[in-house]
Amino acid sequence: MQINDLFNILHNALESKNNGKKISLKDMSNSLGISMRTYQDWKLGRAKPQAAITVMQMLGRLEDEEIIRAVRKINKLKD
């Protein structure tokens, strides 16, 4: 799996959560606090953030409930 696959899967999942309404690159990048160019490069595979694959591999080793618990903890730390 390539890094852009991960970002496309997650972007599509967020759009599905948003009742199928498209989320622009600009809106997504703003919500993540990064430049639109950076996010676009990640989605297209032109740039590869080093930690993204490792984070996904680590999450993949957890059971579903553990993933949810870890992500919720991470979300509490973001501010």
PDB file of N, CA and C in Angstrom:
ATOM      1  N   MET A   1       0.846  -1.184   0.000  1.00  0.00           N
ATOM      2  CA  MET A   1       0.000   0.000   0.000  1.00  0.00           C
ATOM      3  C   MET A   1       0.887   1.241   0.000  1.00  0.00           C
ATOM      4  N   GLN A   2       0.521   2.185  -0.803  1.00  0.00           N
ATOM      5  CA  GLN A   2       1.265   3.439  -0.898  1.00  0.00           C
ATOM      6  C   GLN A   2       0.648   4.480   0.030  1.00  0.00           C
ATOM      7  N   ILE A   3       1.418   5.487   0.383  1.00  0.00           N
ATOM      8  CA  ILE A   3       0.950   6.536   1.295  1.00  0.00           C
ATOM      9  C   ILE A   3      -0.266   7.263   0.731  1.00  0.00           C
ATOM     10  N   ASN A   4      -0.285   7.501  -0.577  1.00  0.00           N
ATOM     11  CA  ASN A   4      -1.441   8.197  -1.146  1.00  0.00           C
ATOM     12  C   ASN A   4      -2.709   7.348  -1.022  1.00  0.00           C
ATOM     13  N   ASP A   5      -2.571   6.016  -1.035  1.00  0.00           N
ATOM     14  CA  ASP A   5      -3.730   5.152  -0.816  1.00  0.00           C
ATOM     15  C   ASP A   5      -4.334   5.409   0.558  1.00  0.00           C
ATOM     16  N   LEU A   6      -3.474   5.540   1.566  1.00  0.00           N
ATOM     17  CA  LEU A   6      -3.950   5.799   2.923  1.00  0.00           C
ATOM     18  C   LEU A   6      -4.721   7.108   2.994  1.00  0.00           C
ATOM     19  N   PHE A   7      -4.154   8.159   2.417  1.00  0.00           N
ATOM     20  CA  PHE A   7      -4.818   9.462   2.477  1.00  0.00           C
ATOM     21  C   PHE A   7      -6.122   9.459   1.688  1.00  0.00           C
ATOM     22  N   ASN A   8      -6.165   8.762   0.571  1.00  0.00           N
ATOM     23  CA  ASN A   8      -7.396   8.694  -0.210  1.00  0.00           C
ATOM     24  C   ASN A   8      -8.471   7.888   0.520  1.00  0.00           C
ATOM     25  N   ILE A   9      -8.098   6.796   1.158  1.00  0.00           N
ATOM     26  CA  ILE A   9      -9.052   5.999   1.934  1.00  0.00           C
ATOM     27  C   ILE A   9      -9.636   6.835   3.067  1.00  0.00           C
ATOM     28  N   LEU A  10      -8.761   7.531   3.798  1.00  0.00           N
ATOM     29  CA  LEU A  10      -9.230   8.344   4.921  1.00  0.00           C
ATOM     30  C   LEU A  10     -10.070   9.524   4.453  1.00  0.00           C
ATOM     31  N   HIS A  11      -9.666  10.171   3.361  1.00  0.00           N
ATOM     32  CA  HIS A  11     -10.427  11.299   2.820  1.00  0.00           C
ATOM     33  C   HIS A  11     -11.828  10.814   2.415  1.00  0.00           C
ATOM     34  N   ASN A  12     -11.892   9.685   1.717  1.00  0.00           N
ATOM     35  CA  ASN A  12     -13.182   9.136   1.300  1.00  0.00           C
ATOM     36  C   ASN A  12     -14.045   8.744   2.490  1.00  0.00           C
ATOM     37  N   ALA A  13     -13.434   8.206   3.538  1.00  0.00           N
ATOM     38  CA  ALA A  13     -14.181   7.833   4.735  1.00  0.00           C
ATOM     39  C   ALA A  13     -14.787   9.064   5.399  1.00  0.00           C
ATOM     40  N   LEU A  14     -14.036  10.152   5.421  1.00  0.00           N
ATOM     41  CA  LEU A  14     -14.561  11.389   5.999  1.00  0.00           C
ATOM     42  C   LEU A  14     -15.685  11.968   5.150  1.00  0.00           C
ATOM     43  N   GLU A  15     -15.575  11.829   3.834  1.00  0.00           N
ATOM     44  CA  GLU A  15     -16.672  12.277   2.968  1.00  0.00           C
ATOM     45  C   GLU A  15     -17.916  11.424   3.200  1.00  0.00           C
ATOM     46  N   SER A  16     -17.743  10.126   3.375  1.00  0.00           N
ATOM     47  CA  SER A  16     -18.880   9.245   3.657  1.00  0.00           C
ATOM     48  C   SER A  16     -19.552   9.633   4.965  1.00  0.00           C
ATOM     49  N   LYS A  17     -18.736   9.935   5.952  1.00  0.00           N
ATOM     50  CA  LYS A  17     -19.259  10.374   7.248  1.00  0.00           C
ATOM     51  C   LYS A  17     -20.040  11.671   7.092  1.00  0.00           C
ATOM     52  N   ASN A  18     -19.672  12.457   6.090  1.00  0.00           N
ATOM     53  CA  ASN A  18     -20.298  13.747   5.809  1.00  0.00           C
ATOM     54  C   ASN A  18     -21.479  13.569   4.839  1.00  0.00           C
ATOM     55  N   ASN A  19     -22.131  12.410   4.921  1.00  0.00           N
ATOM     56  CA  ASN A  19     -23.281  12.066   4.066  1.00  0.00           C
ATOM     57  C   ASN A  19     -22.950  12.117   2.582  1.00  0.00           C
ATOM     58  N   GLY A  20     -21.738  11.744   2.231  1.00  0.00           N
ATOM     59  CA  GLY A  20     -21.333  11.692   0.829  1.00  0.00           C
ATOM     60  C   GLY A  20     -20.991  13.036   0.219  1.00  0.00           C
ATOM     61  N   LYS A  21     -21.097  14.104   1.000  1.00  0.00           N
ATOM     62  CA  LYS A  21     -20.768  15.439   0.496  1.00  0.00           C
ATOM     63  C   LYS A  21     -19.255  15.562   0.325  1.00  0.00           C
ATOM     64  N   LYS A  22     -18.850  16.016  -0.839  1.00  0.00           N
ATOM     65  CA  LYS A  22     -17.418  16.158  -1.131  1.00  0.00           C
ATOM     66  C   LYS A  22     -16.769  17.152  -0.170  1.00  0.00           C
ATOM     67  N   ILE A  23     -15.529  16.860   0.185  1.00  0.00           N
ATOM     68  CA  ILE A  23     -14.729  17.760   1.008  1.00  0.00           C
ATOM     69  C   ILE A  23     -13.566  18.222   0.145  1.00  0.00           C
ATOM     70  N   SER A  24     -13.459  19.509  -0.058  1.00  0.00           N
ATOM     71  CA  SER A  24     -12.400  20.036  -0.917  1.00  0.00           C
ATOM     72  C   SER A  24     -11.038  19.856  -0.264  1.00  0.00           C
ATOM     73  N   LEU A  25     -10.013  19.853  -1.092  1.00  0.00           N
ATOM     74  CA  LEU A  25      -8.644  19.787  -0.570  1.00  0.00           C
ATOM     75  C   LEU A  25      -8.377  20.965   0.353  1.00  0.00           C
ATOM     76  N   LYS A  26      -8.899  22.127  -0.023  1.00  0.00           N
ATOM     77  CA  LYS A  26      -8.698  23.333   0.790  1.00  0.00           C
ATOM     78  C   LYS A  26      -9.339  23.171   2.166  1.00  0.00           C
ATOM     79  N   ASP A  27     -10.593  22.705   2.199  1.00  0.00           N
ATOM     80  CA  ASP A  27     -11.273  22.532   3.480  1.00  0.00           C
ATOM     81  C   ASP A  27     -10.577  21.480   4.345  1.00  0.00           C
ATOM     82  N   MET A  28     -10.162  20.373   3.725  1.00  0.00           N
ATOM     83  CA  MET A  28      -9.495  19.323   4.489  1.00  0.00           C
ATOM     84  C   MET A  28      -8.162  19.814   5.034  1.00  0.00           C
ATOM     85  N   SER A  29      -7.388  20.475   4.187  1.00  0.00           N
ATOM     86  CA  SER A  29      -6.082  20.954   4.646  1.00  0.00           C
ATOM     87  C   SER A  29      -6.239  21.990   5.749  1.00  0.00           C
ATOM     88  N   ASN A  30      -7.238  22.870   5.634  1.00  0.00           N
ATOM     89  CA  ASN A  30      -7.489  23.855   6.688  1.00  0.00           C
ATOM     90  C   ASN A  30      -7.833  23.167   8.002  1.00  0.00           C
ATOM     91  N   SER A  31      -8.661  22.133   7.929  1.00  0.00           N
ATOM     92  CA  SER A  31      -9.061  21.438   9.154  1.00  0.00           C
ATOM     93  C   SER A  31      -7.888  20.702   9.800  1.00  0.00           C
ATOM     94  N   LEU A  32      -6.905  20.324   8.985  1.00  0.00           N
ATOM     95  CA  LEU A  32      -5.720  19.631   9.502  1.00  0.00           C
ATOM     96  C   LEU A  32      -4.596  20.586   9.889  1.00  0.00           C
ATOM     97  N   GLY A  33      -4.748  21.858   9.523  1.00  0.00           N
ATOM     98  CA  GLY A  33      -3.727  22.849   9.859  1.00  0.00           C
ATOM     99  C   GLY A  33      -2.478  22.748   9.004  1.00  0.00           C
ATOM    100  N   ILE A  34      -2.649  22.314   7.750  1.00  0.00           N
ATOM    101  CA  ILE A  34      -1.518  22.218   6.827  1.00  0.00           C
ATOM    102  C   ILE A  34      -1.880  22.955   5.537  1.00  0.00           C
ATOM    103  N   SER A  35      -0.887  23.187   4.706  1.00  0.00           N
ATOM    104  CA  SER A  35      -1.166  23.872   3.450  1.00  0.00           C
ATOM    105  C   SER A  35      -1.899  22.936   2.488  1.00  0.00           C
ATOM    106  N   MET A  36      -2.685  23.544   1.608  1.00  0.00           N
ATOM    107  CA  MET A  36      -3.399  22.755   0.612  1.00  0.00           C
ATOM    108  C   MET A  36      -2.416  22.014  -0.283  1.00  0.00           C
ATOM    109  N   ARG A  37      -1.318  22.650  -0.627  1.00  0.00           N
ATOM    110  CA  ARG A  37      -0.305  22.024  -1.484  1.00  0.00           C
ATOM    111  C   ARG A  37       0.268  20.768  -0.833  1.00  0.00           C
ATOM    112  N   THR A  38       0.548  20.850   0.447  1.00  0.00           N
ATOM    113  CA  THR A  38       1.071  19.687   1.171  1.00  0.00           C
ATOM    114  C   THR A  38       0.071  18.545   1.142  1.00  0.00           C
ATOM    115  N   TYR A  39      -1.179  18.841   1.453  1.00  0.00           N
ATOM    116  CA  TYR A  39      -2.198  17.793   1.469  1.00  0.00           C
ATOM    117  C   TYR A  39      -2.381  17.198   0.080  1.00  0.00           C
ATOM    118  N   GLN A  40      -2.405  18.051  -0.916  1.00  0.00           N
ATOM    119  CA  GLN A  40      -2.543  17.584  -2.301  1.00  0.00           C
ATOM    120  C   GLN A  40      -1.379  16.666  -2.672  1.00  0.00           C
ATOM    121  N   ASP A  41      -0.176  17.050  -2.301  1.00  0.00           N
ATOM    122  CA  ASP A  41       0.993  16.221  -2.594  1.00  0.00           C
ATOM    123  C   ASP A  41       0.899  14.862  -1.903  1.00  0.00           C
ATOM    124  N   TRP A  42       0.384  14.828  -0.681  1.00  0.00           N
ATOM    125  CA  TRP A  42       0.213  13.563   0.031  1.00  0.00           C
ATOM    126  C   TRP A  42      -0.812  12.694  -0.689  1.00  0.00           C
ATOM    127  N   LYS A  43      -1.944  13.292  -1.085  1.00  0.00           N
ATOM    128  CA  LYS A  43      -3.002  12.524  -1.758  1.00  0.00           C
ATOM    129  C   LYS A  43      -2.558  11.993  -3.113  1.00  0.00           C
ATOM    130  N   LEU A  44      -1.703  12.726  -3.781  1.00  0.00           N
ATOM    131  CA  LEU A  44      -1.237  12.309  -5.100  1.00  0.00           C
ATOM    132  C   LEU A  44       0.024  11.451  -5.041  1.00  0.00           C
ATOM    133  N   GLY A  45       0.597  11.309  -3.849  1.00  0.00           N
ATOM    134  CA  GLY A  45       1.794  10.504  -3.694  1.00  0.00           C
ATOM    135  C   GLY A  45       3.078  11.201  -4.093  1.00  0.00           C
ATOM    136  N   ARG A  46       3.028  12.520  -4.270  1.00  0.00           N
ATOM    137  CA  ARG A  46       4.238  13.267  -4.642  1.00  0.00           C
ATOM    138  C   ARG A  46       5.127  13.541  -3.436  1.00  0.00           C
ATOM    139  N   ALA A  47       4.529  13.524  -2.264  1.00  0.00           N
ATOM    140  CA  ALA A  47       5.286  13.690  -1.019  1.00  0.00           C
ATOM    141  C   ALA A  47       4.800  12.615  -0.062  1.00  0.00           C
ATOM    142  N   LYS A  48       5.690  12.154   0.777  1.00  0.00           N
ATOM    143  CA  LYS A  48       5.357  11.050   1.670  1.00  0.00           C
ATOM    144  C   LYS A  48       5.790  11.383   3.089  1.00  0.00           C
ATOM    145  N   PRO A  49       4.825  11.790   3.935  1.00  0.00           N
ATOM    146  CA  PRO A  49       5.194  12.064   5.327  1.00  0.00           C
ATOM    147  C   PRO A  49       5.724  10.788   5.975  1.00  0.00           C
ATOM    148  N   GLN A  50       6.871  10.878   6.551  1.00  0.00           N
ATOM    149  CA  GLN A  50       7.569   9.706   7.081  1.00  0.00           C
ATOM    150  C   GLN A  50       6.760   8.912   8.102  1.00  0.00           C
ATOM    151  N   ALA A  51       6.099   9.585   8.990  1.00  0.00           N
ATOM    152  CA  ALA A  51       5.443   8.887  10.091  1.00  0.00           C
ATOM    153  C   ALA A  51       4.129   8.234   9.710  1.00  0.00           C
ATOM    154  N   ALA A  52       3.511   8.651   8.621  1.00  0.00           N
ATOM    155  CA  ALA A  52       2.165   8.172   8.297  1.00  0.00           C
ATOM    156  C   ALA A  52       2.101   6.659   8.141  1.00  0.00           C
ATOM    157  N   ILE A  53       3.008   6.076   7.406  1.00  0.00           N
ATOM    158  CA  ILE A  53       2.998   4.617   7.210  1.00  0.00           C
ATOM    159  C   ILE A  53       3.219   3.906   8.537  1.00  0.00           C
ATOM    160  N   THR A  54       4.150   4.389   9.330  1.00  0.00           N
ATOM    161  CA  THR A  54       4.447   3.763  10.617  1.00  0.00           C
ATOM    162  C   THR A  54       3.241   3.823  11.538  1.00  0.00           C
ATOM    163  N   VAL A  55       2.577   4.971  11.588  1.00  0.00           N
ATOM    164  CA  VAL A  55       1.384   5.113  12.421  1.00  0.00           C
ATOM    165  C   VAL A  55       0.313   4.122  11.977  1.00  0.00           C
ATOM    166  N   MET A  56       0.098   4.004  10.680  1.00  0.00           N
ATOM    167  CA  MET A  56      -0.917   3.074  10.184  1.00  0.00           C
ATOM    168  C   MET A  56      -0.534   1.626  10.480  1.00  0.00           C
ATOM    169  N   GLN A  57       0.736   1.293  10.376  1.00  0.00           N
ATOM    170  CA  GLN A  57       1.178  -0.063  10.697  1.00  0.00           C
ATOM    171  C   GLN A  57       0.952  -0.370  12.176  1.00  0.00           C
ATOM    172  N   MET A  58       1.223   0.620  13.031  1.00  0.00           N
ATOM    173  CA  MET A  58       1.007   0.427  14.463  1.00  0.00           C
ATOM    174  C   MET A  58      -0.480   0.239  14.766  1.00  0.00           C
ATOM    175  N   LEU A  59      -1.336   1.070  14.154  1.00  0.00           N
ATOM    176  CA  LEU A  59      -2.775   0.928  14.360  1.00  0.00           C
ATOM    177  C   LEU A  59      -3.258  -0.424  13.843  1.00  0.00           C
ATOM    178  N   GLY A  60      -2.676  -0.894  12.760  1.00  0.00           N
ATOM    179  CA  GLY A  60      -3.059  -2.176  12.186  1.00  0.00           C
ATOM    180  C   GLY A  60      -2.759  -3.360  13.078  1.00  0.00           C
ATOM    181  N   ARG A  61      -1.904  -3.189  14.047  1.00  0.00           N
ATOM    182  CA  ARG A  61      -1.575  -4.268  14.984  1.00  0.00           C
ATOM    183  C   ARG A  61      -2.541  -4.331  16.163  1.00  0.00           C
ATOM    184  N   LEU A  62      -3.429  -3.333  16.262  1.00  0.00           N
ATOM    185  CA  LEU A  62      -4.371  -3.270  17.371  1.00  0.00           C
ATOM    186  C   LEU A  62      -5.712  -3.880  16.979  1.00  0.00           C
ATOM    187  N   GLU A  63      -6.451  -4.322  17.974  1.00  0.00           N
ATOM    188  CA  GLU A  63      -7.831  -4.767  17.771  1.00  0.00           C
ATOM    189  C   GLU A  63      -8.711  -3.524  17.594  1.00  0.00           C
ATOM    190  N   ASP A  64      -9.890  -3.714  17.020  1.00  0.00           N
ATOM    191  CA  ASP A  64     -10.773  -2.587  16.707  1.00  0.00           C
ATOM    192  C   ASP A  64     -11.015  -1.673  17.911  1.00  0.00           C
ATOM    193  N   GLU A  65     -11.333  -2.263  19.060  1.00  0.00           N
ATOM    194  CA  GLU A  65     -11.622  -1.471  20.254  1.00  0.00           C
ATOM    195  C   GLU A  65     -10.394  -0.679  20.699  1.00  0.00           C
ATOM    196  N   GLU A  66      -9.232  -1.269  20.562  1.00  0.00           N
ATOM    197  CA  GLU A  66      -7.988  -0.594  20.934  1.00  0.00           C
ATOM    198  C   GLU A  66      -7.697   0.575  19.997  1.00  0.00           C
ATOM    199  N   ILE A  67      -8.015   0.405  18.718  1.00  0.00           N
ATOM    200  CA  ILE A  67      -7.828   1.491  17.745  1.00  0.00           C
ATOM    201  C   ILE A  67      -8.712   2.667  18.121  1.00  0.00           C
ATOM    202  N   ILE A  68      -9.964   2.381  18.415  1.00  0.00           N
ATOM    203  CA  ILE A  68     -10.898   3.449  18.778  1.00  0.00           C
ATOM    204  C   ILE A  68     -10.413   4.170  20.022  1.00  0.00           C
ATOM    205  N   ARG A  69      -9.983   3.427  21.026  1.00  0.00           N
ATOM    206  CA  ARG A  69      -9.497   4.019  22.271  1.00  0.00           C
ATOM    207  C   ARG A  69      -8.268   4.891  22.012  1.00  0.00           C
ATOM    208  N   ALA A  70      -7.340   4.400  21.204  1.00  0.00           N
ATOM    209  CA  ALA A  70      -6.121   5.161  20.901  1.00  0.00           C
ATOM    210  C   ALA A  70      -6.437   6.434  20.129  1.00  0.00           C
ATOM    211  N   VAL A  71      -7.312   6.337  19.131  1.00  0.00           N
ATOM    212  CA  VAL A  71      -7.655   7.510  18.324  1.00  0.00           C
ATOM    213  C   VAL A  71      -8.370   8.551  19.169  1.00  0.00           C
ATOM    214  N   ARG A  72      -9.238   8.109  20.052  1.00  0.00           N
ATOM    215  CA  ARG A  72      -9.923   9.064  20.935  1.00  0.00           C
ATOM    216  C   ARG A  72      -8.929   9.783  21.834  1.00  0.00           C
ATOM    217  N   LYS A  73      -7.939   9.069  22.357  1.00  0.00           N
ATOM    218  CA  LYS A  73      -6.903   9.711  23.173  1.00  0.00           C
ATOM    219  C   LYS A  73      -6.121  10.728  22.354  1.00  0.00           C
ATOM    220  N   ILE A  74      -5.785  10.358  21.112  1.00  0.00           N
ATOM    221  CA  ILE A  74      -5.046  11.256  20.226  1.00  0.00           C
ATOM    222  C   ILE A  74      -5.867  12.512  19.956  1.00  0.00           C
ATOM    223  N   ASN A  75      -7.153  12.346  19.694  1.00  0.00           N
ATOM    224  CA  ASN A  75      -8.014  13.497  19.425  1.00  0.00           C
ATOM    225  C   ASN A  75      -8.090  14.450  20.609  1.00  0.00           C
ATOM    226  N   LYS A  76      -8.012  13.926  21.817  1.00  0.00           N
ATOM    227  CA  LYS A  76      -8.026  14.780  23.000  1.00  0.00           C
ATOM    228  C   LYS A  76      -6.736  15.582  23.127  1.00  0.00           C
ATOM    229  N   LEU A  77      -5.635  15.102  22.563  1.00  0.00           N
ATOM    230  CA  LEU A  77      -4.341  15.766  22.667  1.00  0.00           C
ATOM    231  C   LEU A  77      -4.135  16.851  21.612  1.00  0.00           C
ATOM    232  N   LYS A  78      -4.965  16.902  20.588  1.00  0.00           N
ATOM    233  CA  LYS A  78      -4.690  17.760  19.430  1.00  0.00           C
ATOM    234  C   LYS A  78      -4.691  19.249  19.737  1.00  0.00           C
ATOM    235  N   ASP A  79      -5.286  19.681  20.820  1.00  0.00           N
ATOM    236  CA  ASP A  79      -5.300  21.118  21.125  1.00  0.00           C
ATOM    237  C   ASP A  79      -4.454  21.470  22.303  1.00  0.00           C
TER     238      ASP A  79
END
